[in-house]
Protein backbone atom coordinates (compact mmCIF):
# COMPACT_ATOMS: atom_id res chain seq x y z
CA MET A 1 201.74 235.70 268.90
CA ILE A 2 203.65 238.48 270.61
CA SER A 3 204.68 239.94 267.25
CA GLU A 4 201.01 240.62 266.50
CA ALA A 5 200.32 242.42 269.79
CA LYS A 6 199.66 246.16 269.60
CA HIS A 7 198.40 246.70 273.15
CA PHE A 8 200.46 245.76 276.21
CA HIS A 9 199.16 245.90 279.77
CA PHE A 10 201.65 245.81 282.66
CA ILE A 11 200.60 244.53 286.09
CA GLY A 12 202.86 246.54 288.39
CA ILE A 13 203.98 249.11 285.83
CA GLY A 14 205.51 251.40 288.46
CA GLY A 15 208.42 249.06 289.13
CA ILE A 16 211.83 249.86 287.69
CA GLY A 17 212.04 246.75 285.51
CA MET A 18 208.51 246.82 284.18
CA SER A 19 208.53 250.55 283.49
CA GLY A 20 211.64 250.28 281.33
CA LEU A 21 209.96 247.83 278.98
CA ALA A 22 206.86 250.04 278.90
CA ARG A 23 209.04 252.99 277.85
CA ILE A 24 210.48 251.01 274.94
CA LEU A 25 207.03 249.96 273.75
CA LEU A 26 205.82 253.56 273.91
CA LYS A 27 208.78 254.54 271.73
CA LYS A 28 207.72 251.82 269.31
CA LYS A 29 204.24 253.44 269.14
CA MET A 30 202.46 250.62 270.95
CA VAL A 31 199.40 251.09 273.16
CA VAL A 32 200.56 250.79 276.76
CA THR A 33 198.37 250.51 279.83
CA GLY A 34 199.32 249.45 283.31
CA SER A 35 198.39 249.36 286.95
CA ASP A 36 200.16 249.75 290.25
CA MET A 37 199.09 249.96 293.86
CA GLN A 38 200.18 253.58 294.15
CA ALA A 39 201.32 256.41 291.95
CA ASN A 40 204.96 257.42 291.88
CA TYR A 41 207.29 259.50 289.74
CA ILE A 42 207.63 256.57 287.32
CA THR A 43 203.89 256.21 286.70
CA GLU A 44 203.57 259.97 286.34
CA GLU A 45 206.32 260.05 283.72
CA LEU A 46 204.83 257.12 281.82
CA SER A 47 201.45 258.85 281.81
CA LYS A 48 203.03 261.99 280.34
CA ASN A 49 204.53 259.84 277.59
CA GLY A 50 201.19 258.33 276.60
CA ALA A 51 200.57 255.35 278.86
CA LYS A 52 197.19 254.92 280.56
CA ILE A 53 197.81 254.25 284.24
CA PHE A 54 195.38 252.70 286.72
CA ILE A 55 195.96 252.98 290.47
CA GLY A 56 195.07 249.68 292.09
CA HIS A 57 194.57 246.27 290.51
CA ALA A 58 191.12 245.36 289.15
CA ALA A 59 189.80 242.81 286.66
CA HIS A 60 188.11 245.45 284.48
CA HIS A 61 191.51 246.94 283.62
CA ILE A 62 192.15 243.93 281.38
CA SER A 63 191.24 244.00 277.69
CA ALA A 64 190.89 240.70 275.83
CA HIS A 65 193.04 242.10 273.03
CA ALA A 66 195.97 243.06 275.27
CA ALA A 67 199.17 241.16 275.88
CA VAL A 68 199.47 241.10 279.67
CA ILE A 69 202.92 241.45 281.24
CA TYR A 70 203.68 240.40 284.81
CA SER A 71 206.77 240.02 286.99
CA SER A 72 207.74 237.45 289.60
CA ASP A 73 206.32 239.76 292.29
CA ILE A 74 202.79 239.27 290.96
CA LYS A 75 200.88 236.47 292.69
CA ALA A 76 198.52 234.05 290.98
CA ASP A 77 195.53 235.49 292.87
CA ASN A 78 196.08 238.98 291.46
CA PRO A 79 192.70 240.05 290.00
CA GLU A 80 194.22 241.30 286.74
CA TYR A 81 196.29 238.16 286.25
CA HIS A 82 193.21 236.04 286.95
CA ALA A 83 191.12 238.11 284.51
CA ALA A 84 193.79 237.72 281.82
CA LEU A 85 193.64 233.96 282.24
CA GLN A 86 189.85 233.95 282.02
CA GLN A 87 189.83 236.10 278.88
CA GLY A 88 192.49 234.05 277.13
CA CYS A 89 194.96 236.92 276.86
CA LEU A 90 198.54 236.42 275.81
CA ILE A 91 200.33 236.44 279.18
CA LEU A 92 204.08 237.02 279.34
CA HIS A 93 206.62 237.25 282.12
CA ARG A 94 208.63 240.46 281.83
CA SER A 95 211.74 238.42 281.01
CA ASP A 96 209.99 236.95 277.95
CA LEU A 97 209.05 240.42 276.72
CA LEU A 98 212.63 241.60 277.20
CA LEU A 99 213.87 238.55 275.32
CA TYR A 100 211.52 239.39 272.45
CA LEU A 101 212.60 243.04 272.37
CA MET A 102 216.28 242.06 272.27
CA GLN A 103 216.07 239.46 269.51
CA GLU A 104 216.90 241.79 266.62
CA TYR A 105 220.01 243.21 268.30
CA LYS A 106 223.49 242.28 269.41
CA THR A 107 222.73 242.01 273.09
CA LEU A 108 225.20 243.09 275.76
CA THR A 109 224.05 241.86 279.16
CA VAL A 110 225.36 242.86 282.57
CA ALA A 111 224.81 240.44 285.43
CA GLY A 112 226.10 240.06 288.97
CA THR A 113 224.88 240.19 292.54
CA HIS A 114 226.18 243.73 293.08
CA GLY A 115 226.92 246.61 290.74
CA LYS A 116 225.02 245.50 287.66
CA THR A 117 222.77 248.57 287.50
CA THR A 118 225.67 251.03 287.69
CA THR A 119 227.71 248.99 285.22
CA SER A 120 224.91 248.51 282.67
CA ALA A 121 223.97 252.19 282.89
CA LEU A 122 227.58 253.29 282.39
CA LEU A 123 227.94 250.91 279.44
CA ALA A 124 224.77 252.28 277.84
CA TRP A 125 226.02 255.84 278.39
CA VAL A 126 229.40 255.11 276.77
CA ILE A 127 227.78 253.49 273.73
CA MET A 128 225.36 256.42 273.44
CA GLN A 129 228.23 258.91 273.59
CA ALA A 130 230.00 256.92 270.88
CA GLY A 131 227.08 257.75 268.58
CA LEU A 132 225.98 254.12 268.26
CA ASP A 133 222.36 254.86 269.27
CA PRO A 134 221.74 251.73 271.36
CA SER A 135 218.58 250.39 272.89
CA TYR A 136 218.83 249.70 276.60
CA ALA A 137 216.90 248.52 279.66
CA VAL A 138 218.63 248.91 283.02
CA GLY A 139 217.58 248.83 286.65
CA GLY A 140 218.00 252.49 287.49
CA MET A 141 217.31 255.97 286.18
CA LEU A 142 220.27 257.50 284.35
CA SER A 143 220.55 261.04 285.65
CA PRO A 144 221.48 262.60 282.29
CA SER A 145 218.37 261.23 280.54
CA ASN A 146 216.14 260.55 283.58
CA SER A 147 215.23 257.24 281.95
CA ASN A 148 215.87 253.58 282.62
CA ALA A 149 215.30 252.48 279.02
CA GLY A 150 215.61 253.65 275.45
CA HIS A 151 214.84 252.50 271.93
CA GLY A 152 217.58 253.30 269.43
CA GLU A 153 218.34 252.52 265.82
CA GLY A 154 221.79 251.05 266.48
CA LYS A 155 222.76 247.38 266.55
CA TYR A 156 223.34 247.03 270.30
CA PHE A 157 220.88 246.39 273.12
CA ILE A 158 222.29 246.80 276.64
CA ALA A 159 220.30 244.91 279.25
CA GLU A 160 220.64 244.41 282.97
CA ALA A 161 220.18 240.68 283.52
CA ASP A 162 218.42 240.07 286.83
CA GLU A 163 219.37 236.81 288.52
CA SER A 164 216.90 237.13 291.41
CA ASP A 165 214.29 234.76 289.95
CA GLY A 166 216.49 232.76 287.58
CA THR A 167 214.94 234.27 284.46
CA PHE A 168 218.30 235.62 283.26
CA LEU A 169 219.00 232.10 281.99
CA LYS A 170 216.60 232.79 279.11
CA TYR A 171 219.03 235.25 277.54
CA HIS A 172 221.67 234.49 274.90
CA SER A 173 224.11 237.39 274.72
CA TYR A 174 226.61 238.64 272.17
CA GLY A 175 228.81 239.93 274.99
CA GLY A 176 228.60 241.23 278.50
CA ILE A 177 229.97 241.77 282.00
CA ILE A 178 229.67 239.67 285.17
CA THR A 179 230.50 241.85 288.16
CA ASN A 180 230.50 239.25 290.98
CA ILE A 181 228.60 236.43 292.65
CA ASP A 182 227.55 236.76 296.29
CA ALA A 183 225.01 235.10 298.57
CA ASP A 184 221.70 236.81 297.79
CA HIS A 185 218.23 235.80 296.58
CA LEU A 186 218.59 232.53 298.46
CA ASN A 187 214.83 232.62 299.00
CA TYR A 188 214.71 231.55 295.32
CA PHE A 189 217.96 229.58 294.88
CA GLY A 190 217.97 227.85 298.27
CA LYS A 191 221.75 227.77 298.62
CA ILE A 192 224.67 229.62 297.10
CA GLU A 193 225.79 226.55 295.15
CA ASN A 194 222.60 226.78 293.10
CA LEU A 195 223.22 230.48 292.49
CA ILE A 196 226.77 229.77 291.30
CA LYS A 197 225.48 227.04 288.98
CA ALA A 198 222.98 229.48 287.48
CA PHE A 199 225.72 232.02 286.78
CA SER A 200 227.82 229.29 285.19
CA GLN A 201 224.94 228.48 282.85
CA PHE A 202 224.46 232.17 282.09
CA LEU A 203 228.15 232.57 281.22
CA SER A 204 228.02 229.60 278.86
CA LYS A 205 225.33 231.34 276.81
CA VAL A 206 227.48 234.37 275.94
CA GLU A 207 228.37 234.13 272.27
CA THR A 208 231.77 235.82 272.01
CA SER A 209 234.52 235.37 274.61
CA GLU A 210 236.38 238.50 273.45
CA HIS A 211 233.36 240.58 274.50
CA LEU A 212 232.79 238.82 277.83
CA PHE A 213 234.39 240.37 280.92
CA TRP A 214 234.21 238.83 284.39
CA CYS A 215 235.68 239.95 287.70
CA GLY A 216 238.68 237.91 288.76
CA ASP A 217 238.68 239.49 292.22
CA ASN A 218 235.53 237.51 293.00
CA GLU A 219 236.32 234.06 294.40
CA HIS A 220 233.19 232.38 293.05
CA LEU A 221 233.76 233.65 289.51
CA LEU A 222 237.46 232.78 289.67
CA ASN A 223 236.62 229.22 290.67
CA LEU A 224 234.28 228.89 287.68
CA LYS A 225 237.14 229.79 285.31
CA PRO A 226 234.78 230.95 282.56
CA LYS A 227 235.76 231.93 279.06
CA GLY A 228 236.32 235.59 278.36
CA VAL A 229 238.47 238.32 279.88
CA CYS A 230 239.27 238.36 283.60
CA TYR A 231 239.41 241.88 285.07
CA GLY A 232 240.27 243.18 288.52
CA PHE A 233 242.98 244.45 290.85
CA GLY A 234 244.65 241.04 291.09
CA SER A 235 247.94 240.38 289.28
CA HIS A 236 246.35 237.32 287.63
CA CYS A 237 243.80 239.49 285.79
CA GLU A 238 244.16 239.98 282.04
CA LEU A 239 242.70 243.46 282.42
CA GLN A 240 244.41 244.76 285.54
CA VAL A 241 243.33 247.80 287.55
CA SER A 242 245.95 249.66 289.58
CA ASN A 243 246.83 253.00 291.19
CA PHE A 244 243.32 253.57 292.49
CA SER A 245 242.77 256.88 294.24
CA GLN A 246 239.80 258.93 295.33
CA LYS A 247 239.72 262.68 295.75
CA GLY A 248 236.44 264.04 297.00
CA TRP A 249 233.58 262.62 294.97
CA GLY A 250 235.73 261.40 292.09
CA ILE A 251 237.96 258.40 291.45
CA SER A 252 241.01 257.75 289.29
CA PHE A 253 242.75 254.52 288.33
CA ASP A 254 245.04 252.95 285.74
CA VAL A 255 244.32 249.95 283.51
CA ASP A 256 246.68 247.57 281.73
CA PHE A 257 245.04 245.55 278.97
CA LYS A 258 246.43 243.79 275.89
CA ASN A 259 249.89 245.37 276.21
CA CYS A 260 248.41 248.87 276.46
CA HIS A 261 248.55 251.14 279.52
CA TYR A 262 245.62 253.47 280.19
CA SER A 263 246.59 255.97 282.87
CA SER A 264 244.40 258.14 285.06
CA ILE A 265 240.94 256.93 284.05
CA GLN A 266 238.59 259.30 285.88
CA LEU A 267 234.92 259.21 286.90
CA PRO A 268 232.71 261.39 289.13
CA MET A 269 231.91 258.41 291.40
CA VAL A 270 233.19 256.99 294.69
CA GLY A 271 234.66 253.68 295.80
CA ARG A 272 236.98 250.93 294.59
CA HIS A 273 233.94 248.93 293.53
CA ASN A 274 233.09 251.57 290.94
CA ALA A 275 236.65 251.47 289.61
CA LEU A 276 236.05 247.78 288.93
CA ASN A 277 232.70 248.49 287.29
CA ALA A 278 234.20 251.18 285.08
CA ALA A 279 237.21 249.04 284.17
CA ALA A 280 234.90 246.32 282.89
CA VAL A 281 233.02 248.88 280.79
CA LEU A 282 236.31 250.25 279.47
CA GLY A 283 237.41 246.78 278.41
CA LEU A 284 234.13 245.87 276.74
CA ALA A 285 233.88 249.23 274.97
CA LEU A 286 237.44 248.89 273.65
CA SER A 287 236.66 245.37 272.43
CA LEU A 288 233.70 246.79 270.48
CA GLY A 289 236.00 249.26 268.74
CA ILE A 290 235.06 252.41 270.67
CA ALA A 291 237.97 254.85 270.84
CA GLU A 292 239.73 255.49 274.15
CA ASN A 293 239.15 259.25 274.03
CA ILE A 294 235.39 258.76 273.58
CA ILE A 295 235.28 256.39 276.55
CA ARG A 296 237.21 258.82 278.74
CA LYS A 297 234.90 261.71 277.84
CA ALA A 298 231.82 259.56 278.46
CA PHE A 299 233.13 258.54 281.88
CA LEU A 300 233.69 262.17 282.88
CA SER A 301 230.21 263.22 281.73
CA PHE A 302 228.39 260.32 283.40
CA GLY A 303 225.81 261.81 285.74
CA GLY A 304 225.23 258.67 287.76
CA ILE A 305 222.03 256.83 288.59
CA LYS A 306 219.19 257.62 290.90
CA ARG A 307 219.47 255.83 294.25
CA ARG A 308 223.17 255.00 293.75
CA CYS A 309 224.93 257.38 296.17
CA GLU A 310 222.53 260.01 294.85
CA LYS A 311 222.89 263.53 296.20
CA LYS A 312 219.38 264.57 297.21
CA GLY A 313 220.17 268.04 298.51
CA GLU A 314 222.48 270.19 300.58
CA LYS A 315 221.97 273.38 302.53
CA HIS A 316 223.56 274.78 305.67
CA HIS A 317 226.38 272.30 304.93
CA ILE A 318 224.19 269.25 305.57
CA LEU A 319 224.38 266.77 302.70
CA MET A 320 221.63 264.18 302.15
CA LEU A 321 222.47 261.06 300.14
CA ASP A 322 220.29 258.14 299.13
CA ASP A 323 221.51 254.69 298.13
CA TYR A 324 219.86 251.43 297.13
CA ALA A 325 222.40 249.28 299.01
CA HIS A 326 220.59 246.61 301.01
CA HIS A 327 223.10 243.74 301.16
CA PRO A 328 226.04 243.89 303.62
CA THR A 329 228.62 243.80 300.81
CA GLU A 330 226.96 246.76 299.08
CA ILE A 331 226.56 248.77 302.28
CA LYS A 332 230.21 248.33 303.28
CA ALA A 333 231.58 249.28 299.83
CA THR A 334 229.33 252.34 299.55
CA LEU A 335 230.16 253.63 303.04
CA GLU A 336 233.88 253.21 302.40
CA GLY A 337 233.56 255.35 299.28
CA ILE A 338 231.48 257.99 301.05
CA ARG A 339 233.94 258.12 303.96
CA GLN A 340 236.82 258.87 301.60
CA ALA A 341 234.80 261.72 300.12
CA ALA A 342 233.50 262.94 303.48
CA GLY A 343 236.84 263.28 305.21
CA GLY A 344 236.24 264.28 308.82
CA ARG A 345 232.56 265.17 308.42
CA ARG A 346 230.20 263.22 310.66
CA LEU A 347 228.62 260.41 308.64
CA ILE A 348 225.12 259.37 309.75
CA THR A 349 223.91 256.13 308.17
CA VAL A 350 220.23 255.20 308.17
CA PHE A 351 219.62 251.59 307.14
CA GLN A 352 216.27 249.95 306.45
CA PRO A 353 216.70 246.15 306.18
CA HIS A 354 214.88 244.67 303.17
CA ARG A 355 212.86 241.43 303.34
CA TYR A 356 212.83 238.94 306.20
CA THR A 357 214.38 236.21 304.05
CA ARG A 358 217.33 238.39 303.01
CA THR A 359 217.87 239.58 306.58
CA GLN A 360 217.86 235.98 307.79
CA ASP A 361 220.37 234.92 305.11
CA CYS A 362 222.67 237.87 305.89
CA LEU A 363 222.74 237.59 309.68
CA GLY A 364 226.37 237.13 310.66
CA LEU A 365 227.61 239.42 307.88
CA TYR A 366 226.82 242.82 309.42
CA LYS A 367 229.49 243.05 312.12
CA ASP A 368 232.01 245.16 310.17
CA VAL A 369 229.66 246.69 307.61
CA PHE A 370 229.07 250.03 309.34
CA ASP A 371 232.66 250.69 310.46
CA GLU A 372 232.92 253.94 308.49
CA ALA A 373 229.73 255.43 309.96
CA ASP A 374 229.84 257.75 312.96
CA GLU A 375 226.19 257.19 313.86
CA ILE A 376 223.94 254.35 312.73
CA PHE A 377 220.14 254.27 312.75
CA ILE A 378 218.39 251.00 311.87
CA THR A 379 214.65 250.74 311.29
CA GLU A 380 212.38 247.74 311.37
CA ILE A 381 212.52 245.41 308.35
CA TYR A 382 210.76 246.49 305.16
CA ALA A 383 208.76 243.34 304.44
CA ALA A 384 208.20 243.79 300.67
CA GLY A 385 205.18 241.52 300.95
CA GLU A 386 206.88 238.80 302.98
CA ALA A 387 205.51 237.32 306.19
CA PRO A 388 207.59 237.80 309.35
CA ILE A 389 210.04 235.06 310.34
CA ASP A 390 210.42 234.16 314.01
CA GLY A 391 213.71 235.39 315.41
CA VAL A 392 214.45 237.66 312.44
CA SER A 393 214.32 241.40 313.08
CA SER A 394 216.49 244.48 312.92
CA ILE A 395 217.35 243.89 316.59
CA GLU A 396 219.51 240.92 315.53
CA ILE A 397 221.48 243.23 313.22
CA ILE A 398 221.94 245.76 316.03
CA LYS A 399 223.15 243.07 318.44
CA GLU A 400 225.63 241.85 315.84
CA VAL A 401 227.09 245.32 315.30
CA GLU A 402 227.14 246.06 319.04
CA SER A 403 229.07 242.83 319.66
CA LYS A 404 232.08 244.63 318.21
CA GLY A 405 231.82 247.20 320.98
CA ILE A 406 230.16 249.89 318.88
CA LYS A 407 227.80 252.07 320.93
CA LYS A 408 226.75 254.49 318.20
CA ILE A 409 223.88 252.41 316.85
CA HIS A 410 220.22 253.28 317.39
CA SER A 411 216.97 251.38 316.81
CA VAL A 412 214.20 253.60 315.47
CA GLN A 413 210.71 253.10 314.09
CA ARG A 414 210.39 254.12 310.46
CA GLN A 415 207.48 256.46 311.21
CA ASP A 416 209.55 258.39 313.77
CA LEU A 417 212.72 258.56 311.72
CA ALA A 418 212.44 261.94 309.99
CA SER A 419 211.46 263.83 313.14
CA LEU A 420 214.18 262.17 315.20
CA LEU A 421 216.87 262.83 312.60
CA PHE A 422 215.79 266.41 312.11
CA ASP A 423 216.63 267.17 315.71
CA PHE A 424 219.80 265.05 315.62
CA VAL A 425 221.72 266.41 312.63
CA HIS A 426 224.08 269.38 312.71
CA PRO A 427 225.78 271.54 310.08
CA HIS A 428 228.50 269.68 308.11
CA ASP A 429 226.86 266.28 308.71
CA ILE A 430 226.35 263.81 305.88
CA VAL A 431 223.18 261.70 306.12
CA VAL A 432 222.89 258.64 303.87
CA SER A 433 219.70 256.58 303.67
CA MET A 434 220.25 252.98 302.57
CA GLY A 435 217.86 250.22 301.55
CA ALA A 436 215.54 248.98 298.83
CA GLY A 437 212.29 249.99 300.54
CA ASP A 438 210.56 253.28 301.30
CA ILE A 439 213.65 254.67 303.03
CA THR A 440 214.25 256.51 299.76
CA LYS A 441 211.51 258.95 300.85
CA LEU A 442 213.48 260.06 303.91
CA SER A 443 215.15 263.04 302.25
CA GLN A 444 211.80 264.48 301.17
CA GLU A 445 210.39 263.89 304.64
CA LEU A 446 213.25 265.92 306.08
CA LEU A 447 212.62 268.64 303.52
CA ASP A 448 208.95 268.75 304.49
CA LEU A 449 209.94 269.27 308.12
CA SER A 450 212.45 271.99 307.30
CA GLY A 451 209.80 274.69 307.02
CA ASN A 452 208.59 274.13 310.55
CA LYS A 453 211.69 273.50 312.64
CA ARG A 454 214.96 275.15 313.46
CA HIS A 455 218.13 275.47 311.42
CA VAL A 456 218.06 272.56 308.99
CA SER A 457 217.02 272.72 305.34
CA LEU A 458 218.36 270.27 302.79
CA ASN A 459 217.32 271.89 299.52
């Protein structure tokens, strides 16, 4: 029985989803151990908080008395998973552990192909600032707390519901937000119709329609016609967003909802997509009884999330940004927001495609994605454990973009990227690294070079 477990071992504890659950268990005074193939800032932080971390996977890491937690990324031949089977351990998928942790709370889930991490983090921040002491588990590090999870004494649990492996269908929610549905994770779902069906099932499991908000600007969601509150820029939306503007690195917009007008809602974020995310949070927070002035103050104090248009450093007027965007829709929306903030500064975009299957599914969607970039560098595909697929490479993306007549795109090997960029950038440039792989290390690689080469230093 999971309720009797006192020791939890995580296979792949350094991942963002697994580490969040480990943090909650540590707060609950449980024994937490875990392994990962390499150390990172997440494993280091968990170790400081009392977890025992092993680097590498090995059978002897498994105790017969431990509940063993795994994710969909863990294969059946993993030595720790195999040892757990042999020793008769309680073995749980991470989604089952999350389900268990949420059962005593009113759960507010945030799902959607794009924007769910930002939206769930902002929702958690608003509820925290309202003094409601929530528990939460989201897919990114909140900059104010430098944590992706928390264990509170309040009645709400905010969870990011990951659709990538279908496990979000296990959750029954009190309320929540659905940001959009787009073609992604088709390596699991096969075709978008199956993905849409899964979201329809997820929506049907939300308990209260007054606390369910879904984006009416998304065609797939609009066609589903779910219960709840439709939000968006469209005139058909019950919660309507209007008067969007962006000045520098901040946005402002109005909202009309239930015969009330909320003018000049402001956040220190960029892009129309984040106005939609924030509007959904505003609506849900109001429906929970949180006062407008508290929501406004929380929005203004929101420090963002690591790897979501994160400012990594600036010196000599060169700004380095890092973003998790790895799907064409995400890349386009993020670059449009950055361009509005950047003005006439040269915008250099460095994209690392993620997974062969995703790249294959997205071919044909890249043509207009990089329009706002002045220079584009594309590396080879980050495999994330996948085998190569014939005819699928970053060259296909480059050909697609070049078919529009764009000549500012460059193919570069990942290992050569930092050195090449170091000699390419100039004062006043903005460099944004994009992708879900190790491209996030690029800013530090540039910093490491800054002590040995000419005029550039980013920190």
